Amino acid sequence: MAYETGEFDANIAAAAGDDPALRAELLACFAESLNTQTDLLARARCDGNWHVAAMRLRGLGSSFHAEELVDLADEAMDSAPGDPVVVRKLRHFAGRFSG
């Protein structure tokens, strides 16, 4: 999996230690949650659903110290429901964690 470096890497390393299987599982769980919440955000058309999905993405980013995700979630919260630009940015970000 390709992913960002810095605090995110340090957080994963601290959580997984020397266990490569746990590291892979943590990254897979992060990617799955990221994709799920991005999909929910993309399908949201009302302010409430959009805001909830954006807040969940922000929480995920905060939990894993993924600052870029926190910034994208903040951008989503400041955007109108269904904003294709922020959804595209989130999908691009999520693409770094697949394959």
PDB file of N, CA and C in Angstrom:
ATOM      1  N   MET A   1       0.829  -1.183   0.000  1.00  0.00           N
ATOM      2  CA  MET A   1       0.000   0.000   0.000  1.00  0.00           C
ATOM      3  C   MET A   1       0.871   1.244   0.000  1.00  0.00           C
ATOM      4  N   ALA A   2       0.480   2.209  -0.778  1.00  0.00           N
ATOM      5  CA  ALA A   2       1.153   3.499  -0.757  1.00  0.00           C
ATOM      6  C   ALA A   2       0.405   4.404   0.208  1.00  0.00           C
ATOM      7  N   TYR A   3       1.139   5.195   0.967  1.00  0.00           N
ATOM      8  CA  TYR A   3       0.480   6.077   1.926  1.00  0.00           C
ATOM      9  C   TYR A   3       1.418   7.216   2.276  1.00  0.00           C
ATOM     10  N   GLU A   4       0.860   8.222   2.919  1.00  0.00           N
ATOM     11  CA  GLU A   4       1.667   9.387   3.274  1.00  0.00           C
ATOM     12  C   GLU A   4       2.646   9.058   4.393  1.00  0.00           C
ATOM     13  N   THR A   5       3.656   9.869   4.519  1.00  0.00           N
ATOM     14  CA  THR A   5       4.669   9.655   5.550  1.00  0.00           C
ATOM     15  C   THR A   5       4.456  10.618   6.701  1.00  0.00           C
ATOM     16  N   GLY A   6       5.394  10.673   7.588  1.00  0.00           N
ATOM     17  CA  GLY A   6       5.330  11.618   8.698  1.00  0.00           C
ATOM     18  C   GLY A   6       4.598  11.065   9.895  1.00  0.00           C
ATOM     19  N   GLU A   7       3.726  11.904  10.458  1.00  0.00           N
ATOM     20  CA  GLU A   7       3.020  11.528  11.675  1.00  0.00           C
ATOM     21  C   GLU A   7       2.177  10.271  11.486  1.00  0.00           C
ATOM     22  N   PHE A   8       1.595  10.119  10.298  1.00  0.00           N
ATOM     23  CA  PHE A   8       0.789   8.928  10.031  1.00  0.00           C
ATOM     24  C   PHE A   8       1.639   7.672  10.185  1.00  0.00           C
ATOM     25  N   ASP A   9       2.799   7.656   9.529  1.00  0.00           N
ATOM     26  CA  ASP A   9       3.710   6.510   9.628  1.00  0.00           C
ATOM     27  C   ASP A   9       4.127   6.256  11.067  1.00  0.00           C
ATOM     28  N   ALA A  10       4.462   7.326  11.772  1.00  0.00           N
ATOM     29  CA  ALA A  10       4.898   7.183  13.156  1.00  0.00           C
ATOM     30  C   ALA A  10       3.778   6.614  14.020  1.00  0.00           C
ATOM     31  N   ASN A  11       2.565   7.031  13.783  1.00  0.00           N
ATOM     32  CA  ASN A  11       1.429   6.533  14.548  1.00  0.00           C
ATOM     33  C   ASN A  11       1.192   5.045  14.284  1.00  0.00           C
ATOM     34  N   ILE A  12       1.254   4.656  13.016  1.00  0.00           N
ATOM     35  CA  ILE A  12       1.087   3.237  12.669  1.00  0.00           C
ATOM     36  C   ILE A  12       2.216   2.413  13.276  1.00  0.00           C
ATOM     37  N   ALA A  13       3.435   2.904  13.180  1.00  0.00           N
ATOM     38  CA  ALA A  13       4.585   2.181  13.732  1.00  0.00           C
ATOM     39  C   ALA A  13       4.464   2.037  15.238  1.00  0.00           C
ATOM     40  N   ALA A  14       4.020   3.082  15.914  1.00  0.00           N
ATOM     41  CA  ALA A  14       3.868   3.019  17.370  1.00  0.00           C
ATOM     42  C   ALA A  14       2.789   2.013  17.763  1.00  0.00           C
ATOM     43  N   ALA A  15       1.730   1.956  16.986  1.00  0.00           N
ATOM     44  CA  ALA A  15       0.630   1.036  17.302  1.00  0.00           C
ATOM     45  C   ALA A  15       0.984  -0.410  16.981  1.00  0.00           C
ATOM     46  N   ALA A  16       1.689  -0.623  15.870  1.00  0.00           N
ATOM     47  CA  ALA A  16       1.955  -1.989  15.417  1.00  0.00           C
ATOM     48  C   ALA A  16       3.277  -2.549  15.932  1.00  0.00           C
ATOM     49  N   GLY A  17       4.178  -1.681  16.323  1.00  0.00           N
ATOM     50  CA  GLY A  17       5.485  -2.169  16.764  1.00  0.00           C
ATOM     51  C   GLY A  17       6.196  -2.885  15.635  1.00  0.00           C
ATOM     52  N   ASP A  18       6.752  -4.041  15.952  1.00  0.00           N
ATOM     53  CA  ASP A  18       7.487  -4.825  14.959  1.00  0.00           C
ATOM     54  C   ASP A  18       6.625  -5.897  14.299  1.00  0.00           C
ATOM     55  N   ASP A  19       5.327  -5.778  14.413  1.00  0.00           N
ATOM     56  CA  ASP A  19       4.408  -6.793  13.876  1.00  0.00           C
ATOM     57  C   ASP A  19       3.889  -6.366  12.503  1.00  0.00           C
ATOM     58  N   PRO A  20       4.461  -6.924  11.430  1.00  0.00           N
ATOM     59  CA  PRO A  20       4.036  -6.514  10.086  1.00  0.00           C
ATOM     60  C   PRO A  20       2.584  -6.880   9.780  1.00  0.00           C
ATOM     61  N   ALA A  21       2.097  -7.954  10.367  1.00  0.00           N
ATOM     62  CA  ALA A  21       0.696  -8.343  10.138  1.00  0.00           C
ATOM     63  C   ALA A  21      -0.250  -7.319  10.764  1.00  0.00           C
ATOM     64  N   LEU A  22       0.073  -6.854  11.959  1.00  0.00           N
ATOM     65  CA  LEU A  22      -0.755  -5.845  12.608  1.00  0.00           C
ATOM     66  C   LEU A  22      -0.698  -4.535  11.845  1.00  0.00           C
ATOM     67  N   ARG A  23       0.486  -4.176  11.362  1.00  0.00           N
ATOM     68  CA  ARG A  23       0.632  -2.965  10.553  1.00  0.00           C
ATOM     69  C   ARG A  23      -0.259  -3.034   9.317  1.00  0.00           C
ATOM     70  N   ALA A  24      -0.225  -4.154   8.628  1.00  0.00           N
ATOM     71  CA  ALA A  24      -1.051  -4.331   7.430  1.00  0.00           C
ATOM     72  C   ALA A  24      -2.537  -4.269   7.771  1.00  0.00           C
ATOM     73  N   GLU A  25      -2.914  -4.860   8.898  1.00  0.00           N
ATOM     74  CA  GLU A  25      -4.313  -4.845   9.321  1.00  0.00           C
ATOM     75  C   GLU A  25      -4.768  -3.417   9.658  1.00  0.00           C
ATOM     76  N   LEU A  26      -3.927  -2.652  10.350  1.00  0.00           N
ATOM     77  CA  LEU A  26      -4.264  -1.267  10.675  1.00  0.00           C
ATOM     78  C   LEU A  26      -4.433  -0.431   9.407  1.00  0.00           C
ATOM     79  N   LEU A  27      -3.532  -0.598   8.463  1.00  0.00           N
ATOM     80  CA  LEU A  27      -3.634   0.142   7.209  1.00  0.00           C
ATOM     81  C   LEU A  27      -4.877  -0.264   6.428  1.00  0.00           C
ATOM     82  N   ALA A  28      -5.202  -1.550   6.435  1.00  0.00           N
ATOM     83  CA  ALA A  28      -6.407  -2.024   5.742  1.00  0.00           C
ATOM     84  C   ALA A  28      -7.667  -1.468   6.386  1.00  0.00           C
ATOM     85  N   CYS A  29      -7.700  -1.444   7.701  1.00  0.00           N
ATOM     86  CA  CYS A  29      -8.862  -0.880   8.409  1.00  0.00           C
ATOM     87  C   CYS A  29      -8.995   0.610   8.136  1.00  0.00           C
ATOM     88  N   PHE A  30      -7.884   1.325   8.132  1.00  0.00           N
ATOM     89  CA  PHE A  30      -7.908   2.749   7.816  1.00  0.00           C
ATOM     90  C   PHE A  30      -8.464   2.960   6.409  1.00  0.00           C
ATOM     91  N   ALA A  31      -7.941   2.213   5.446  1.00  0.00           N
ATOM     92  CA  ALA A  31      -8.377   2.361   4.053  1.00  0.00           C
ATOM     93  C   ALA A  31      -9.854   2.019   3.892  1.00  0.00           C
ATOM     94  N   GLU A  32     -10.307   0.970   4.553  1.00  0.00           N
ATOM     95  CA  GLU A  32     -11.714   0.576   4.457  1.00  0.00           C
ATOM     96  C   GLU A  32     -12.625   1.656   5.030  1.00  0.00           C
ATOM     97  N   SER A  33     -12.276   2.181   6.183  1.00  0.00           N
ATOM     98  CA  SER A  33     -13.084   3.235   6.792  1.00  0.00           C
ATOM     99  C   SER A  33     -13.054   4.494   5.935  1.00  0.00           C
ATOM    100  N   LEU A  34     -11.899   4.835   5.426  1.00  0.00           N
ATOM    101  CA  LEU A  34     -11.758   6.005   4.561  1.00  0.00           C
ATOM    102  C   LEU A  34     -12.651   5.873   3.334  1.00  0.00           C
ATOM    103  N   ASN A  35     -12.626   4.713   2.699  1.00  0.00           N
ATOM    104  CA  ASN A  35     -13.457   4.493   1.509  1.00  0.00           C
ATOM    105  C   ASN A  35     -14.938   4.518   1.842  1.00  0.00           C
ATOM    106  N   THR A  36     -15.320   3.920   2.954  1.00  0.00           N
ATOM    107  CA  THR A  36     -16.729   3.905   3.358  1.00  0.00           C
ATOM    108  C   THR A  36     -17.240   5.313   3.610  1.00  0.00           C
ATOM    109  N   GLN A  37     -16.506   6.089   4.384  1.00  0.00           N
ATOM    110  CA  GLN A  37     -16.949   7.444   4.718  1.00  0.00           C
ATOM    111  C   GLN A  37     -16.906   8.373   3.506  1.00  0.00           C
ATOM    112  N   THR A  38     -15.933   8.184   2.629  1.00  0.00           N
ATOM    113  CA  THR A  38     -15.881   8.980   1.400  1.00  0.00           C
ATOM    114  C   THR A  38     -17.076   8.664   0.520  1.00  0.00           C
ATOM    115  N   ASP A  39     -17.443   7.393   0.448  1.00  0.00           N
ATOM    116  CA  ASP A  39     -18.622   7.003  -0.335  1.00  0.00           C
ATOM    117  C   ASP A  39     -19.891   7.614   0.259  1.00  0.00           C
ATOM    118  N   LEU A  40     -20.018   7.564   1.584  1.00  0.00           N
ATOM    119  CA  LEU A  40     -21.190   8.173   2.228  1.00  0.00           C
ATOM    120  C   LEU A  40     -21.235   9.676   1.977  1.00  0.00           C
ATOM    121  N   LEU A  41     -20.087  10.323   2.031  1.00  0.00           N
ATOM    122  CA  LEU A  41     -20.025  11.747   1.759  1.00  0.00           C
ATOM    123  C   LEU A  41     -20.449  12.028   0.319  1.00  0.00           C
ATOM    124  N   ALA A  42     -19.962  11.231  -0.609  1.00  0.00           N
ATOM    125  CA  ALA A  42     -20.278  11.441  -2.024  1.00  0.00           C
ATOM    126  C   ALA A  42     -21.772  11.283  -2.305  1.00  0.00           C
ATOM    127  N   ARG A  43     -22.438  10.413  -1.548  1.00  0.00           N
ATOM    128  CA  ARG A  43     -23.868  10.177  -1.757  1.00  0.00           C
ATOM    129  C   ARG A  43     -24.760  11.116  -0.962  1.00  0.00           C
ATOM    130  N   ALA A  44     -24.183  11.869  -0.034  1.00  0.00           N
ATOM    131  CA  ALA A  44     -24.971  12.774   0.815  1.00  0.00           C
ATOM    132  C   ALA A  44     -25.468  13.960  -0.005  1.00  0.00           C
ATOM    133  N   ARG A  45     -26.727  14.296   0.181  1.00  0.00           N
ATOM    134  CA  ARG A  45     -27.287  15.447  -0.521  1.00  0.00           C
ATOM    135  C   ARG A  45     -27.874  16.476   0.442  1.00  0.00           C
ATOM    136  N   CYS A  46     -27.990  16.122   1.700  1.00  0.00           N
ATOM    137  CA  CYS A  46     -28.495  17.095   2.664  1.00  0.00           C
ATOM    138  C   CYS A  46     -27.344  17.503   3.586  1.00  0.00           C
ATOM    139  N   ASP A  47     -27.501  18.668   4.188  1.00  0.00           N
ATOM    140  CA  ASP A  47     -26.452  19.199   5.059  1.00  0.00           C
ATOM    141  C   ASP A  47     -26.093  18.239   6.189  1.00  0.00           C
ATOM    142  N   GLY A  48     -27.108  17.627   6.796  1.00  0.00           N
ATOM    143  CA  GLY A  48     -26.867  16.757   7.947  1.00  0.00           C
ATOM    144  C   GLY A  48     -26.009  15.550   7.602  1.00  0.00           C
ATOM    145  N   ASN A  49     -26.364  14.835   6.541  1.00  0.00           N
ATOM    146  CA  ASN A  49     -25.599  13.647   6.149  1.00  0.00           C
ATOM    147  C   ASN A  49     -24.189  14.015   5.700  1.00  0.00           C
ATOM    148  N   TRP A  50     -24.079  15.118   4.972  1.00  0.00           N
ATOM    149  CA  TRP A  50     -22.771  15.595   4.508  1.00  0.00           C
ATOM    150  C   TRP A  50     -21.880  15.902   5.715  1.00  0.00           C
ATOM    151  N   HIS A  51     -22.435  16.627   6.676  1.00  0.00           N
ATOM    152  CA  HIS A  51     -21.666  17.030   7.850  1.00  0.00           C
ATOM    153  C   HIS A  51     -21.236  15.818   8.687  1.00  0.00           C
ATOM    154  N   VAL A  52     -22.129  14.854   8.860  1.00  0.00           N
ATOM    155  CA  VAL A  52     -21.794  13.657   9.635  1.00  0.00           C
ATOM    156  C   VAL A  52     -20.648  12.892   8.971  1.00  0.00           C
ATOM    157  N   ALA A  53     -20.734  12.702   7.661  1.00  0.00           N
ATOM    158  CA  ALA A  53     -19.665  11.979   6.952  1.00  0.00           C
ATOM    159  C   ALA A  53     -18.351  12.754   7.030  1.00  0.00           C
ATOM    160  N   ALA A  54     -18.409  14.075   6.887  1.00  0.00           N
ATOM    161  CA  ALA A  54     -17.195  14.887   6.975  1.00  0.00           C
ATOM    162  C   ALA A  54     -16.591  14.807   8.376  1.00  0.00           C
ATOM    163  N   MET A  55     -17.432  14.837   9.394  1.00  0.00           N
ATOM    164  CA  MET A  55     -16.935  14.730  10.772  1.00  0.00           C
ATOM    165  C   MET A  55     -16.305  13.355  11.027  1.00  0.00           C
ATOM    166  N   ARG A  56     -16.896  12.311  10.475  1.00  0.00           N
ATOM    167  CA  ARG A  56     -16.306  10.974  10.634  1.00  0.00           C
ATOM    168  C   ARG A  56     -14.951  10.900   9.948  1.00  0.00           C
ATOM    169  N   LEU A  57     -14.837  11.506   8.773  1.00  0.00           N
ATOM    170  CA  LEU A  57     -13.547  11.543   8.087  1.00  0.00           C
ATOM    171  C   LEU A  57     -12.523  12.331   8.899  1.00  0.00           C
ATOM    172  N   ARG A  58     -12.968  13.414   9.492  1.00  0.00           N
ATOM    173  CA  ARG A  58     -12.068  14.217  10.326  1.00  0.00           C
ATOM    174  C   ARG A  58     -11.609  13.410  11.543  1.00  0.00           C
ATOM    175  N   GLY A  59     -12.533  12.685  12.150  1.00  0.00           N
ATOM    176  CA  GLY A  59     -12.179  11.848  13.292  1.00  0.00           C
ATOM    177  C   GLY A  59     -11.206  10.744  12.914  1.00  0.00           C
ATOM    178  N   LEU A  60     -11.414  10.153  11.756  1.00  0.00           N
ATOM    179  CA  LEU A  60     -10.499   9.113  11.275  1.00  0.00           C
ATOM    180  C   LEU A  60      -9.111   9.695  11.061  1.00  0.00           C
ATOM    181  N   GLY A  61      -9.055  10.853  10.424  1.00  0.00           N
ATOM    182  CA  GLY A  61      -7.766  11.503  10.197  1.00  0.00           C
ATOM    183  C   GLY A  61      -7.076  11.875  11.492  1.00  0.00           C
ATOM    184  N   SER A  62      -7.849  12.368  12.444  1.00  0.00           N
ATOM    185  CA  SER A  62      -7.277  12.740  13.745  1.00  0.00           C
ATOM    186  C   SER A  62      -6.771  11.509  14.485  1.00  0.00           C
ATOM    187  N   SER A  63      -7.520  10.442  14.452  1.00  0.00           N
ATOM    188  CA  SER A  63      -7.129   9.212  15.159  1.00  0.00           C
ATOM    189  C   SER A  63      -5.821   8.635  14.646  1.00  0.00           C
ATOM    190  N   PHE A  64      -5.604   8.749  13.332  1.00  0.00           N
ATOM    191  CA  PHE A  64      -4.407   8.183  12.715  1.00  0.00           C
ATOM    192  C   PHE A  64      -3.331   9.241  12.447  1.00  0.00           C
ATOM    193  N   HIS A  65      -3.555  10.465  12.910  1.00  0.00           N
ATOM    194  CA  HIS A  65      -2.613  11.571  12.679  1.00  0.00           C
ATOM    195  C   HIS A  65      -2.336  11.773  11.191  1.00  0.00           C
ATOM    196  N   ALA A  66      -3.406  11.666  10.387  1.00  0.00           N
ATOM    197  CA  ALA A  66      -3.326  11.898   8.941  1.00  0.00           C
ATOM    198  C   ALA A  66      -3.801  13.330   8.686  1.00  0.00           C
ATOM    199  N   GLU A  67      -2.869  14.271   8.803  1.00  0.00           N
ATOM    200  CA  GLU A  67      -3.213  15.690   8.709  1.00  0.00           C
ATOM    201  C   GLU A  67      -3.872  16.058   7.390  1.00  0.00           C
ATOM    202  N   GLU A  68      -3.437  15.460   6.309  1.00  0.00           N
ATOM    203  CA  GLU A  68      -4.043  15.775   5.016  1.00  0.00           C
ATOM    204  C   GLU A  68      -5.525  15.392   5.007  1.00  0.00           C
ATOM    205  N   LEU A  69      -5.862  14.272   5.624  1.00  0.00           N
ATOM    206  CA  LEU A  69      -7.261  13.864   5.705  1.00  0.00           C
ATOM    207  C   LEU A  69      -8.053  14.823   6.584  1.00  0.00           C
ATOM    208  N   VAL A  70      -7.479  15.269   7.676  1.00  0.00           N
ATOM    209  CA  VAL A  70      -8.145  16.251   8.541  1.00  0.00           C
ATOM    210  C   VAL A  70      -8.427  17.523   7.743  1.00  0.00           C
ATOM    211  N   ASP A  71      -7.444  17.977   6.970  1.00  0.00           N
ATOM    212  CA  ASP A  71      -7.619  19.180   6.163  1.00  0.00           C
ATOM    213  C   ASP A  71      -8.705  18.990   5.106  1.00  0.00           C
ATOM    214  N   LEU A  72      -8.736  17.829   4.465  1.00  0.00           N
ATOM    215  CA  LEU A  72      -9.769  17.552   3.461  1.00  0.00           C
ATOM    216  C   LEU A  72     -11.154  17.481   4.097  1.00  0.00           C
ATOM    217  N   ALA A  73     -11.234  16.895   5.284  1.00  0.00           N
ATOM    218  CA  ALA A  73     -12.516  16.831   5.988  1.00  0.00           C
ATOM    219  C   ALA A  73     -12.986  18.228   6.370  1.00  0.00           C
ATOM    220  N   ASP A  74     -12.069  19.065   6.808  1.00  0.00           N
ATOM    221  CA  ASP A  74     -12.423  20.452   7.118  1.00  0.00           C
ATOM    222  C   ASP A  74     -12.921  21.171   5.864  1.00  0.00           C
ATOM    223  N   GLU A  75     -12.262  20.912   4.751  1.00  0.00           N
ATOM    224  CA  GLU A  75     -12.706  21.505   3.484  1.00  0.00           C
ATOM    225  C   GLU A  75     -14.118  21.029   3.141  1.00  0.00           C
ATOM    226  N   ALA A  76     -14.390  19.753   3.369  1.00  0.00           N
ATOM    227  CA  ALA A  76     -15.734  19.218   3.111  1.00  0.00           C
ATOM    228  C   ALA A  76     -16.767  19.893   3.997  1.00  0.00           C
ATOM    229  N   MET A  77     -16.428  20.103   5.268  1.00  0.00           N
ATOM    230  CA  MET A  77     -17.378  20.738   6.182  1.00  0.00           C
ATOM    231  C   MET A  77     -17.692  22.170   5.754  1.00  0.00           C
ATOM    232  N   ASP A  78     -16.754  22.811   5.085  1.00  0.00           N
ATOM    233  CA  ASP A  78     -16.965  24.172   4.608  1.00  0.00           C
ATOM    234  C   ASP A  78     -17.612  24.220   3.226  1.00  0.00           C
ATOM    235  N   SER A  79     -17.821  23.057   2.614  1.00  0.00           N
ATOM    236  CA  SER A  79     -18.381  22.977   1.265  1.00  0.00           C
ATOM    237  C   SER A  79     -19.867  22.626   1.310  1.00  0.00           C
ATOM    238  N   ALA A  80     -20.510  22.802   0.182  1.00  0.00           N
ATOM    239  CA  ALA A  80     -21.922  22.446   0.055  1.00  0.00           C
ATOM    240  C   ALA A  80     -22.051  20.935  -0.166  1.00  0.00           C
ATOM    241  N   PRO A  81     -23.124  20.336   0.326  1.00  0.00           N
ATOM    242  CA  PRO A  81     -23.350  18.899   0.079  1.00  0.00           C
ATOM    243  C   PRO A  81     -23.283  18.582  -1.412  1.00  0.00           C
ATOM    244  N   GLY A  82     -22.566  17.514  -1.727  1.00  0.00           N
ATOM    245  CA  GLY A  82     -22.429  17.079  -3.111  1.00  0.00           C
ATOM    246  C   GLY A  82     -21.309  17.753  -3.874  1.00  0.00           C
ATOM    247  N   ASP A  83     -20.493  18.571  -3.207  1.00  0.00           N
ATOM    248  CA  ASP A  83     -19.403  19.270  -3.878  1.00  0.00           C
ATOM    249  C   ASP A  83     -18.458  18.253  -4.520  1.00  0.00           C
ATOM    250  N   PRO A  84     -18.421  18.208  -5.854  1.00  0.00           N
ATOM    251  CA  PRO A  84     -17.598  17.188  -6.516  1.00  0.00           C
ATOM    252  C   PRO A  84     -16.097  17.405  -6.347  1.00  0.00           C
ATOM    253  N   VAL A  85     -15.680  18.634  -6.110  1.00  0.00           N
ATOM    254  CA  VAL A  85     -14.248  18.914  -5.986  1.00  0.00           C
ATOM    255  C   VAL A  85     -13.681  18.244  -4.738  1.00  0.00           C
ATOM    256  N   VAL A  86     -14.330  18.425  -3.601  1.00  0.00           N
ATOM    257  CA  VAL A  86     -13.822  17.839  -2.364  1.00  0.00           C
ATOM    258  C   VAL A  86     -13.933  16.309  -2.400  1.00  0.00           C
ATOM    259  N   VAL A  87     -14.984  15.799  -3.006  1.00  0.00           N
ATOM    260  CA  VAL A  87     -15.118  14.335  -3.135  1.00  0.00           C
ATOM    261  C   VAL A  87     -13.985  13.782  -3.990  1.00  0.00           C
ATOM    262  N   ARG A  88     -13.668  14.463  -5.071  1.00  0.00           N
ATOM    263  CA  ARG A  88     -12.573  14.021  -5.950  1.00  0.00           C
ATOM    264  C   ARG A  88     -11.235  14.040  -5.201  1.00  0.00           C
ATOM    265  N   LYS A  89     -11.000  15.078  -4.401  1.00  0.00           N
ATOM    266  CA  LYS A  89      -9.766  15.150  -3.612  1.00  0.00           C
ATOM    267  C   LYS A  89      -9.682  14.004  -2.603  1.00  0.00           C
ATOM    268  N   LEU A  90     -10.807  13.703  -1.962  1.00  0.00           N
ATOM    269  CA  LEU A  90     -10.821  12.605  -0.987  1.00  0.00           C
ATOM    270  C   LEU A  90     -10.578  11.266  -1.674  1.00  0.00           C
ATOM    271  N   ARG A  91     -11.169  11.070  -2.832  1.00  0.00           N
ATOM    272  CA  ARG A  91     -10.950   9.808  -3.559  1.00  0.00           C
ATOM    273  C   ARG A  91      -9.504   9.678  -4.020  1.00  0.00           C
ATOM    274  N   HIS A  92      -8.921  10.790  -4.415  1.00  0.00           N
ATOM    275  CA  HIS A  92      -7.497  10.778  -4.795  1.00  0.00           C
ATOM    276  C   HIS A  92      -6.642  10.399  -3.586  1.00  0.00           C
ATOM    277  N   PHE A  93      -6.932  11.010  -2.447  1.00  0.00           N
ATOM    278  CA  PHE A  93      -6.213  10.684  -1.202  1.00  0.00           C
ATOM    279  C   PHE A  93      -6.378   9.205  -0.877  1.00  0.00           C
ATOM    280  N   ALA A  94      -7.616   8.701  -0.946  1.00  0.00           N
ATOM    281  CA  ALA A  94      -7.885   7.300  -0.619  1.00  0.00           C
ATOM    282  C   ALA A  94      -7.170   6.350  -1.569  1.00  0.00           C
ATOM    283  N   GLY A  95      -6.980   6.783  -2.810  1.00  0.00           N
ATOM    284  CA  GLY A  95      -6.297   5.946  -3.797  1.00  0.00           C
ATOM    285  C   GLY A  95      -4.869   5.606  -3.415  1.00  0.00           C
ATOM    286  N   ARG A  96      -4.269   6.414  -2.576  1.00  0.00           N
ATOM    287  CA  ARG A  96      -2.892   6.140  -2.123  1.00  0.00           C
ATOM    288  C   ARG A  96      -2.809   4.938  -1.189  1.00  0.00           C
ATOM    289  N   PHE A  97      -3.948   4.498  -0.675  1.00  0.00           N
ATOM    290  CA  PHE A  97      -3.959   3.405   0.290  1.00  0.00           C
ATOM    291  C   PHE A  97      -4.443   2.097  -0.318  1.00  0.00           C
ATOM    292  N   SER A  98      -4.649   2.063  -1.615  1.00  0.00           N
ATOM    293  CA  SER A  98      -5.115   0.828  -2.244  1.00  0.00           C
ATOM    294  C   SER A  98      -3.985   0.199  -3.044  1.00  0.00           C
ATOM    295  N   GLY A  99      -4.095  -1.110  -3.165  1.00  0.00           N
ATOM    296  CA  GLY A  99      -3.168  -1.858  -3.978  1.00  0.00           C
ATOM    297  C   GLY A  99      -1.796  -1.798  -3.561  1.00  0.00           C
TER     298      GLY A  99
END
